[in-house]
PDB file of N, CA and C in Angstrom:
ATOM      1  N   MET A   1     -46.246 -12.795 -52.304  1.00  0.00           N
ATOM      2  CA  MET A   1     -47.078 -11.638 -52.043  1.00  0.00           C
ATOM      3  C   MET A   1     -47.730 -11.221 -53.357  1.00  0.00           C
ATOM      4  N   LYS A   2     -49.063 -11.258 -53.379  1.00  0.00           N
ATOM      5  CA  LYS A   2     -49.826 -10.916 -54.577  1.00  0.00           C
ATOM      6  C   LYS A   2     -50.588  -9.623 -54.315  1.00  0.00           C
ATOM      7  N   VAL A   3     -50.271  -8.574 -55.056  1.00  0.00           N
ATOM      8  CA  VAL A   3     -50.892  -7.265 -54.865  1.00  0.00           C
ATOM      9  C   VAL A   3     -52.275  -7.270 -55.523  1.00  0.00           C
ATOM     10  N   ILE A   4     -53.298  -6.877 -54.761  1.00  0.00           N
ATOM     11  CA  ILE A   4     -54.659  -6.792 -55.283  1.00  0.00           C
ATOM     12  C   ILE A   4     -54.931  -5.375 -55.774  1.00  0.00           C
ATOM     13  N   THR A   5     -54.684  -4.382 -54.912  1.00  0.00           N
ATOM     14  CA  THR A   5     -54.825  -2.976 -55.317  1.00  0.00           C
ATOM     15  C   THR A   5     -53.623  -2.189 -54.831  1.00  0.00           C
ATOM     16  N   ASP A   6     -53.237  -1.210 -55.620  1.00  0.00           N
ATOM     17  CA  ASP A   6     -52.123  -0.330 -55.270  1.00  0.00           C
ATOM     18  C   ASP A   6     -52.475   1.058 -55.779  1.00  0.00           C
ATOM     19  N   LEU A   7     -53.048   1.880 -54.899  1.00  0.00           N
ATOM     20  CA  LEU A   7     -53.495   3.214 -55.270  1.00  0.00           C
ATOM     21  C   LEU A   7     -52.570   4.270 -54.704  1.00  0.00           C
ATOM     22  N   LYS A   8     -52.300   5.286 -55.483  1.00  0.00           N
ATOM     23  CA  LYS A   8     -51.476   6.402 -55.014  1.00  0.00           C
ATOM     24  C   LYS A   8     -52.403   7.551 -54.647  1.00  0.00           C
ATOM     25  N   ASN A   9     -52.329   8.000 -53.396  1.00  0.00           N
ATOM     26  CA  ASN A   9     -53.161   9.083 -52.896  1.00  0.00           C
ATOM     27  C   ASN A   9     -52.257  10.309 -52.719  1.00  0.00           C
ATOM     28  N   ASP A  10     -52.288  11.212 -53.698  1.00  0.00           N
ATOM     29  CA  ASP A  10     -51.429  12.393 -53.660  1.00  0.00           C
ATOM     30  C   ASP A  10     -51.875  13.398 -52.598  1.00  0.00           C
ATOM     31  N   LEU A  11     -53.145  13.425 -52.284  1.00  0.00           N
ATOM     32  CA  LEU A  11     -53.653  14.362 -51.292  1.00  0.00           C
ATOM     33  C   LEU A  11     -53.077  14.070 -49.908  1.00  0.00           C
ATOM     34  N   LEU A  12     -52.970  12.787 -49.557  1.00  0.00           N
ATOM     35  CA  LEU A  12     -52.452  12.403 -48.245  1.00  0.00           C
ATOM     36  C   LEU A  12     -51.003  11.917 -48.298  1.00  0.00           C
ATOM     37  N   ASN A  13     -50.369  11.996 -49.455  1.00  0.00           N
ATOM     38  CA  ASN A  13     -48.963  11.605 -49.640  1.00  0.00           C
ATOM     39  C   ASN A  13     -48.699  10.166 -49.194  1.00  0.00           C
ATOM     40  N   ARG A  14     -49.485   9.234 -49.746  1.00  0.00           N
ATOM     41  CA  ARG A  14     -49.308   7.832 -49.392  1.00  0.00           C
ATOM     42  C   ARG A  14     -49.774   6.917 -50.516  1.00  0.00           C
ATOM     43  N   ARG A  15     -49.354   5.647 -50.411  1.00  0.00           N
ATOM     44  CA  ARG A  15     -49.847   4.584 -51.275  1.00  0.00           C
ATOM     45  C   ARG A  15     -50.751   3.711 -50.431  1.00  0.00           C
ATOM     46  N   GLU A  16     -51.913   3.376 -50.970  1.00  0.00           N
ATOM     47  CA  GLU A  16     -52.865   2.529 -50.273  1.00  0.00           C
ATOM     48  C   GLU A  16     -52.817   1.156 -50.931  1.00  0.00           C
ATOM     49  N   VAL A  17     -52.354   0.161 -50.192  1.00  0.00           N
ATOM     50  CA  VAL A  17     -52.057  -1.151 -50.753  1.00  0.00           C
ATOM     51  C   VAL A  17     -52.905  -2.230 -50.080  1.00  0.00           C
ATOM     52  N   VAL A  18     -53.456  -3.127 -50.896  1.00  0.00           N
ATOM     53  CA  VAL A  18     -54.124  -4.328 -50.407  1.00  0.00           C
ATOM     54  C   VAL A  18     -53.463  -5.500 -51.124  1.00  0.00           C
ATOM     55  N   PHE A  19     -52.989  -6.480 -50.346  1.00  0.00           N
ATOM     56  CA  PHE A  19     -52.331  -7.629 -50.959  1.00  0.00           C
ATOM     57  C   PHE A  19     -52.591  -8.896 -50.160  1.00  0.00           C
ATOM     58  N   VAL A  20     -52.326 -10.031 -50.800  1.00  0.00           N
ATOM     59  CA  VAL A  20     -52.475 -11.338 -50.167  1.00  0.00           C
ATOM     60  C   VAL A  20     -51.090 -11.879 -49.888  1.00  0.00           C
ATOM     61  N   MET A  21     -50.896 -12.352 -48.663  1.00  0.00           N
ATOM     62  CA  MET A  21     -49.601 -12.860 -48.228  1.00  0.00           C
ATOM     63  C   MET A  21     -49.777 -14.279 -47.710  1.00  0.00           C
ATOM     64  N   GLU A  22     -48.902 -15.192 -48.117  1.00  0.00           N
ATOM     65  CA  GLU A  22     -48.962 -16.564 -47.632  1.00  0.00           C
ATOM     66  C   GLU A  22     -47.989 -16.745 -46.471  1.00  0.00           C
ATOM     67  N   SER A  23     -48.477 -17.418 -45.408  1.00  0.00           N
ATOM     68  CA  SER A  23     -47.653 -17.662 -44.240  1.00  0.00           C
ATOM     69  C   SER A  23     -48.232 -18.846 -43.473  1.00  0.00           C
ATOM     70  N   GLY A  24     -47.387 -19.575 -42.775  1.00  0.00           N
ATOM     71  CA  GLY A  24     -47.835 -20.719 -41.988  1.00  0.00           C
ATOM     72  C   GLY A  24     -48.679 -20.315 -40.800  1.00  0.00           C
ATOM     73  N   SER A  25     -48.379 -19.155 -40.232  1.00  0.00           N
ATOM     74  CA  SER A  25     -49.163 -18.619 -39.126  1.00  0.00           C
ATOM     75  C   SER A  25     -49.340 -17.123 -39.372  1.00  0.00           C
ATOM     76  N   ASN A  26     -50.112 -16.488 -38.519  1.00  0.00           N
ATOM     77  CA  ASN A  26     -50.370 -15.064 -38.687  1.00  0.00           C
ATOM     78  C   ASN A  26     -49.049 -14.295 -38.684  1.00  0.00           C
ATOM     79  N   PRO A  27     -48.737 -13.555 -39.758  1.00  0.00           N
ATOM     80  CA  PRO A  27     -47.443 -12.875 -39.839  1.00  0.00           C
ATOM     81  C   PRO A  27     -47.309 -11.717 -38.861  1.00  0.00           C
ATOM     82  N   GLY A  28     -48.403 -11.142 -38.422  1.00  0.00           N
ATOM     83  CA  GLY A  28     -48.350 -10.018 -37.501  1.00  0.00           C
ATOM     84  C   GLY A  28     -47.855  -8.756 -38.191  1.00  0.00           C
ATOM     85  N   VAL A  29     -47.877  -7.679 -37.472  1.00  0.00           N
ATOM     86  CA  VAL A  29     -47.482  -6.386 -38.027  1.00  0.00           C
ATOM     87  C   VAL A  29     -45.998  -6.383 -38.401  1.00  0.00           C
ATOM     88  N   SER A  30     -45.154  -6.990 -37.576  1.00  0.00           N
ATOM     89  CA  SER A  30     -43.716  -6.985 -37.865  1.00  0.00           C
ATOM     90  C   SER A  30     -43.405  -7.782 -39.130  1.00  0.00           C
ATOM     91  N   GLY A  31     -44.069  -8.914 -39.340  1.00  0.00           N
ATOM     92  CA  GLY A  31     -43.852  -9.701 -40.543  1.00  0.00           C
ATOM     93  C   GLY A  31     -44.326  -8.980 -41.796  1.00  0.00           C
ATOM     94  N   VAL A  32     -45.446  -8.290 -41.687  1.00  0.00           N
ATOM     95  CA  VAL A  32     -45.973  -7.521 -42.820  1.00  0.00           C
ATOM     96  C   VAL A  32     -45.043  -6.350 -43.124  1.00  0.00           C
ATOM     97  N   ASN A  33     -44.543  -5.688 -42.082  1.00  0.00           N
ATOM     98  CA  ASN A  33     -43.614  -4.572 -42.293  1.00  0.00           C
ATOM     99  C   ASN A  33     -42.367  -5.028 -43.044  1.00  0.00           C
ATOM    100  N   LYS A  34     -41.807  -6.175 -42.667  1.00  0.00           N
ATOM    101  CA  LYS A  34     -40.611  -6.685 -43.345  1.00  0.00           C
ATOM    102  C   LYS A  34     -40.890  -6.981 -44.811  1.00  0.00           C
ATOM    103  N   ALA A  35     -42.044  -7.577 -45.101  1.00  0.00           N
ATOM    104  CA  ALA A  35     -42.399  -7.890 -46.486  1.00  0.00           C
ATOM    105  C   ALA A  35     -42.593  -6.613 -47.309  1.00  0.00           C
ATOM    106  N   MET A  36     -43.180  -5.595 -46.696  1.00  0.00           N
ATOM    107  CA  MET A  36     -43.424  -4.345 -47.427  1.00  0.00           C
ATOM    108  C   MET A  36     -42.129  -3.560 -47.635  1.00  0.00           C
ATOM    109  N   VAL A  37     -41.206  -3.632 -46.683  1.00  0.00           N
ATOM    110  CA  VAL A  37     -39.912  -2.971 -46.852  1.00  0.00           C
ATOM    111  C   VAL A  37     -39.182  -3.582 -48.052  1.00  0.00           C
ATOM    112  N   ASP A  38     -39.234  -4.915 -48.174  1.00  0.00           N
ATOM    113  CA  ASP A  38     -38.591  -5.586 -49.301  1.00  0.00           C
ATOM    114  C   ASP A  38     -39.272  -5.241 -50.620  1.00  0.00           C
ATOM    115  N   LYS A  39     -40.593  -5.197 -50.638  1.00  0.00           N
ATOM    116  CA  LYS A  39     -41.350  -4.979 -51.878  1.00  0.00           C
ATOM    117  C   LYS A  39     -41.299  -3.525 -52.337  1.00  0.00           C
ATOM    118  N   TYR A  40     -41.532  -2.574 -51.434  1.00  0.00           N
ATOM    119  CA  TYR A  40     -41.690  -1.166 -51.811  1.00  0.00           C
ATOM    120  C   TYR A  40     -40.476  -0.297 -51.512  1.00  0.00           C
ATOM    121  N   LYS A  41     -39.428  -0.867 -50.947  1.00  0.00           N
ATOM    122  CA  LYS A  41     -38.199  -0.119 -50.639  1.00  0.00           C
ATOM    123  C   LYS A  41     -38.503   1.126 -49.810  1.00  0.00           C
ATOM    124  N   ALA A  42     -39.380   0.974 -48.833  1.00  0.00           N
ATOM    125  CA  ALA A  42     -39.758   2.073 -47.949  1.00  0.00           C
ATOM    126  C   ALA A  42     -39.187   1.814 -46.560  1.00  0.00           C
ATOM    127  N   HIS A  43     -39.051   2.869 -45.777  1.00  0.00           N
ATOM    128  CA  HIS A  43     -38.607   2.715 -44.400  1.00  0.00           C
ATOM    129  C   HIS A  43     -39.745   2.136 -43.569  1.00  0.00           C
ATOM    130  N   GLU A  44     -39.394   1.330 -42.586  1.00  0.00           N
ATOM    131  CA  GLU A  44     -40.400   0.681 -41.748  1.00  0.00           C
ATOM    132  C   GLU A  44     -41.218   1.703 -40.963  1.00  0.00           C
ATOM    133  N   GLU A  45     -40.630   2.845 -40.636  1.00  0.00           N
ATOM    134  CA  GLU A  45     -41.343   3.870 -39.871  1.00  0.00           C
ATOM    135  C   GLU A  45     -42.395   4.588 -40.709  1.00  0.00           C
ATOM    136  N   ASN A  46     -42.385   4.417 -42.043  1.00  0.00           N
ATOM    137  CA  ASN A  46     -43.354   5.068 -42.925  1.00  0.00           C
ATOM    138  C   ASN A  46     -44.528   4.163 -43.277  1.00  0.00           C
ATOM    139  N   ILE A  47     -44.601   2.975 -42.704  1.00  0.00           N
ATOM    140  CA  ILE A  47     -45.642   2.006 -43.041  1.00  0.00           C
ATOM    141  C   ILE A  47     -46.647   1.925 -41.902  1.00  0.00           C
ATOM    142  N   ALA A  48     -47.936   1.957 -42.260  1.00  0.00           N
ATOM    143  CA  ALA A  48     -49.013   1.806 -41.285  1.00  0.00           C
ATOM    144  C   ALA A  48     -49.877   0.630 -41.728  1.00  0.00           C
ATOM    145  N   VAL A  49     -49.857  -0.457 -40.958  1.00  0.00           N
ATOM    146  CA  VAL A  49     -50.668  -1.630 -41.269  1.00  0.00           C
ATOM    147  C   VAL A  49     -52.044  -1.422 -40.646  1.00  0.00           C
ATOM    148  N   LYS A  50     -53.078  -1.484 -41.457  1.00  0.00           N
ATOM    149  CA  LYS A  50     -54.437  -1.239 -40.987  1.00  0.00           C
ATOM    150  C   LYS A  50     -55.170  -2.506 -40.597  1.00  0.00           C
ATOM    151  N   LYS A  51     -55.057  -3.559 -41.418  1.00  0.00           N
ATOM    152  CA  LYS A  51     -55.844  -4.759 -41.155  1.00  0.00           C
ATOM    153  C   LYS A  51     -55.139  -5.987 -41.704  1.00  0.00           C
ATOM    154  N   ILE A  52     -55.168  -7.077 -40.939  1.00  0.00           N
ATOM    155  CA  ILE A  52     -54.675  -8.382 -41.379  1.00  0.00           C
ATOM    156  C   ILE A  52     -55.811  -9.363 -41.128  1.00  0.00           C
ATOM    157  N   THR A  53     -56.354  -9.954 -42.215  1.00  0.00           N
ATOM    158  CA  THR A  53     -57.477 -10.880 -42.067  1.00  0.00           C
ATOM    159  C   THR A  53     -57.186 -12.188 -42.780  1.00  0.00           C
ATOM    160  N   SER A  54     -57.899 -13.231 -42.336  1.00  0.00           N
ATOM    161  CA  SER A  54     -57.766 -14.540 -42.954  1.00  0.00           C
ATOM    162  C   SER A  54     -59.033 -15.327 -42.686  1.00  0.00           C
ATOM    163  N   ASN A  55     -59.233 -16.378 -43.471  1.00  0.00           N
ATOM    164  CA  ASN A  55     -60.323 -17.317 -43.212  1.00  0.00           C
ATOM    165  C   ASN A  55     -59.754 -18.499 -42.455  1.00  0.00           C
ATOM    166  N   PHE A  56     -60.574 -19.127 -41.654  1.00  0.00           N
ATOM    167  CA  PHE A  56     -60.139 -20.232 -40.807  1.00  0.00           C
ATOM    168  C   PHE A  56     -59.558 -21.366 -41.648  1.00  0.00           C
ATOM    169  N   GLY A  57     -58.374 -21.823 -41.288  1.00  0.00           N
ATOM    170  CA  GLY A  57     -57.761 -22.960 -41.957  1.00  0.00           C
ATOM    171  C   GLY A  57     -56.959 -22.632 -43.196  1.00  0.00           C
ATOM    172  N   LYS A  58     -56.970 -21.396 -43.625  1.00  0.00           N
ATOM    173  CA  LYS A  58     -56.214 -21.013 -44.816  1.00  0.00           C
ATOM    174  C   LYS A  58     -54.894 -20.379 -44.410  1.00  0.00           C
ATOM    175  N   LYS A  59     -53.926 -20.488 -45.290  1.00  0.00           N
ATOM    176  CA  LYS A  59     -52.612 -19.908 -45.034  1.00  0.00           C
ATOM    177  C   LYS A  59     -52.409 -18.613 -45.803  1.00  0.00           C
ATOM    178  N   GLU A  60     -53.493 -18.023 -46.282  1.00  0.00           N
ATOM    179  CA  GLU A  60     -53.439 -16.749 -47.004  1.00  0.00           C
ATOM    180  C   GLU A  60     -54.030 -15.656 -46.122  1.00  0.00           C
ATOM    181  N   PHE A  61     -53.318 -14.562 -46.025  1.00  0.00           N
ATOM    182  CA  PHE A  61     -53.743 -13.437 -45.210  1.00  0.00           C
ATOM    183  C   PHE A  61     -53.903 -12.208 -46.102  1.00  0.00           C
ATOM    184  N   THR A  62     -55.041 -11.536 -45.988  1.00  0.00           N
ATOM    185  CA  THR A  62     -55.280 -10.302 -46.726  1.00  0.00           C
ATOM    186  C   THR A  62     -54.850  -9.147 -45.842  1.00  0.00           C
ATOM    187  N   VAL A  63     -53.999  -8.289 -46.392  1.00  0.00           N
ATOM    188  CA  VAL A  63     -53.419  -7.190 -45.629  1.00  0.00           C
ATOM    189  C   VAL A  63     -53.782  -5.864 -46.280  1.00  0.00           C
ATOM    190  N   GLU A  64     -54.224  -4.921 -45.470  1.00  0.00           N
ATOM    191  CA  GLU A  64     -54.458  -3.548 -45.919  1.00  0.00           C
ATOM    192  C   GLU A  64     -53.444  -2.659 -45.194  1.00  0.00           C
ATOM    193  N   ALA A  65     -52.695  -1.864 -45.971  1.00  0.00           N
ATOM    194  CA  ALA A  65     -51.661  -1.027 -45.364  1.00  0.00           C
ATOM    195  C   ALA A  65     -51.469   0.251 -46.162  1.00  0.00           C
ATOM    196  N   PHE A  66     -50.887   1.245 -45.503  1.00  0.00           N
ATOM    197  CA  PHE A  66     -50.538   2.511 -46.132  1.00  0.00           C
ATOM    198  C   PHE A  66     -49.026   2.681 -46.083  1.00  0.00           C
ATOM    199  N   VAL A  67     -48.452   3.162 -47.180  1.00  0.00           N
ATOM    200  CA  VAL A  67     -47.026   3.474 -47.229  1.00  0.00           C
ATOM    201  C   VAL A  67     -46.921   4.977 -47.454  1.00  0.00           C
ATOM    202  N   TYR A  68     -46.482   5.699 -46.428  1.00  0.00           N
ATOM    203  CA  TYR A  68     -46.374   7.152 -46.510  1.00  0.00           C
ATOM    204  C   TYR A  68     -45.044   7.554 -47.128  1.00  0.00           C
ATOM    205  N   ASN A  69     -45.010   8.749 -47.735  1.00  0.00           N
ATOM    206  CA  ASN A  69     -43.783   9.247 -48.346  1.00  0.00           C
ATOM    207  C   ASN A  69     -42.730   9.598 -47.305  1.00  0.00           C
ATOM    208  N   THR A  70     -43.153  10.201 -46.201  1.00  0.00           N
ATOM    209  CA  THR A  70     -42.220  10.577 -45.141  1.00  0.00           C
ATOM    210  C   THR A  70     -42.826  10.250 -43.773  1.00  0.00           C
ATOM    211  N   LYS A  71     -41.974  10.253 -42.768  1.00  0.00           N
ATOM    212  CA  LYS A  71     -42.430  10.004 -41.404  1.00  0.00           C
ATOM    213  C   LYS A  71     -43.337  11.142 -40.933  1.00  0.00           C
ATOM    214  N   LYS A  72     -43.048  12.352 -41.364  1.00  0.00           N
ATOM    215  CA  LYS A  72     -43.845  13.516 -40.977  1.00  0.00           C
ATOM    216  C   LYS A  72     -45.273  13.395 -41.508  1.00  0.00           C
ATOM    217  N   ASP A  73     -45.421  12.908 -42.756  1.00  0.00           N
ATOM    218  CA  ASP A  73     -46.758  12.709 -43.324  1.00  0.00           C
ATOM    219  C   ASP A  73     -47.549  11.697 -42.501  1.00  0.00           C
ATOM    220  N   LYS A  74     -46.890  10.641 -42.081  1.00  0.00           N
ATOM    221  CA  LYS A  74     -47.557   9.608 -41.288  1.00  0.00           C
ATOM    222  C   LYS A  74     -47.988  10.164 -39.938  1.00  0.00           C
ATOM    223  N   GLU A  75     -47.119  10.923 -39.282  1.00  0.00           N
ATOM    224  CA  GLU A  75     -47.433  11.467 -37.964  1.00  0.00           C
ATOM    225  C   GLU A  75     -48.581  12.463 -38.013  1.00  0.00           C
ATOM    226  N   MET A  76     -48.727  13.177 -39.130  1.00  0.00           N
ATOM    227  CA  MET A  76     -49.805  14.159 -39.255  1.00  0.00           C
ATOM    228  C   MET A  76     -51.169  13.491 -39.428  1.00  0.00           C
ATOM    229  N   ILE A  77     -51.215  12.308 -40.018  1.00  0.00           N
ATOM    230  CA  ILE A  77     -52.492  11.688 -40.367  1.00  0.00           C
ATOM    231  C   ILE A  77     -52.890  10.563 -39.418  1.00  0.00           C
ATOM    232  N   GLU A  78     -51.962   9.704 -39.059  1.00  0.00           N
ATOM    233  CA  GLU A  78     -52.279   8.531 -38.242  1.00  0.00           C
ATOM    234  C   GLU A  78     -52.534   8.923 -36.790  1.00  0.00           C
ATOM    235  N   ARG A  79     -53.444   8.182 -36.159  1.00  0.00           N
ATOM    236  CA  ARG A  79     -53.735   8.402 -34.751  1.00  0.00           C
ATOM    237  C   ARG A  79     -52.604   7.851 -33.903  1.00  0.00           C
ATOM    238  N   LYS A  80     -52.322   8.521 -32.835  1.00  0.00           N
ATOM    239  CA  LYS A  80     -51.283   8.073 -31.917  1.00  0.00           C
ATOM    240  C   LYS A  80     -51.922   7.200 -30.841  1.00  0.00           C
ATOM    241  N   PRO A  81     -51.265   6.112 -30.444  1.00  0.00           N
ATOM    242  CA  PRO A  81     -51.855   5.262 -29.407  1.00  0.00           C
ATOM    243  C   PRO A  81     -51.886   5.971 -28.060  1.00  0.00           C
ATOM    244  N   LYS A  82     -52.911   5.658 -27.284  1.00  0.00           N
ATOM    245  CA  LYS A  82     -53.043   6.261 -25.960  1.00  0.00           C
ATOM    246  C   LYS A  82     -51.962   5.700 -25.045  1.00  0.00           C
ATOM    247  N   VAL A  83     -51.468   6.538 -24.164  1.00  0.00           N
ATOM    248  CA  VAL A  83     -50.450   6.127 -23.199  1.00  0.00           C
ATOM    249  C   VAL A  83     -51.175   5.757 -21.911  1.00  0.00           C
ATOM    250  N   LYS A  84     -50.915   4.547 -21.422  1.00  0.00           N
ATOM    251  CA  LYS A  84     -51.544   4.109 -20.180  1.00  0.00           C
ATOM    252  C   LYS A  84     -50.832   4.713 -18.982  1.00  0.00           C
ATOM    253  N   LYS A  85     -51.612   5.054 -17.964  1.00  0.00           N
ATOM    254  CA  LYS A  85     -51.028   5.602 -16.753  1.00  0.00           C
ATOM    255  C   LYS A  85     -50.373   4.492 -15.948  1.00  0.00           C
ATOM    256  N   ALA A  86     -49.298   4.822 -15.285  1.00  0.00           N
ATOM    257  CA  ALA A  86     -48.594   3.841 -14.451  1.00  0.00           C
ATOM    258  C   ALA A  86     -49.432   3.510 -13.217  1.00  0.00           C
ATOM    259  N   GLU A  87     -49.377   2.262 -12.783  1.00  0.00           N
ATOM    260  CA  GLU A  87     -50.121   1.848 -11.595  1.00  0.00           C
ATOM    261  C   GLU A  87     -49.526   2.476 -10.338  1.00  0.00           C
ATOM    262  N   GLY A  88     -50.369   3.051  -9.526  1.00  0.00           N
ATOM    263  CA  GLY A  88     -49.931   3.593  -8.241  1.00  0.00           C
ATOM    264  C   GLY A  88     -49.167   4.916  -8.339  1.00  0.00           C
ATOM    265  N   ALA A  89     -49.172   5.545  -9.502  1.00  0.00           N
ATOM    266  CA  ALA A  89     -48.469   6.816  -9.625  1.00  0.00           C
ATOM    267  C   ALA A  89     -49.301   7.914  -8.960  1.00  0.00           C
ATOM    268  N   ALA A  90     -48.653   8.736  -8.165  1.00  0.00           N
ATOM    269  CA  ALA A  90     -49.397   9.789  -7.478  1.00  0.00           C
ATOM    270  C   ALA A  90     -48.785  11.132  -7.733  1.00  0.00           C
TER     271      ALA A  90
END
């Protein structure tokens, strides 16, 4: 894991990180979370992965993520996913 940028944003209580990660296949959000927990000693619930990109045929993935100081800080800033309605619920 090679860190490209590591900025501390005191206003939003988070670290804004961009790094390159090598993997045989797309690591996905869970793989990125595990790597960031090992690197930054943060709880998995405080990490928000924004983007995972790669070029075709390469085994390097560029990852953009935020590491929040607390779970409360993350919940205040990050958007919550929409909840889908159950089929046939009346």
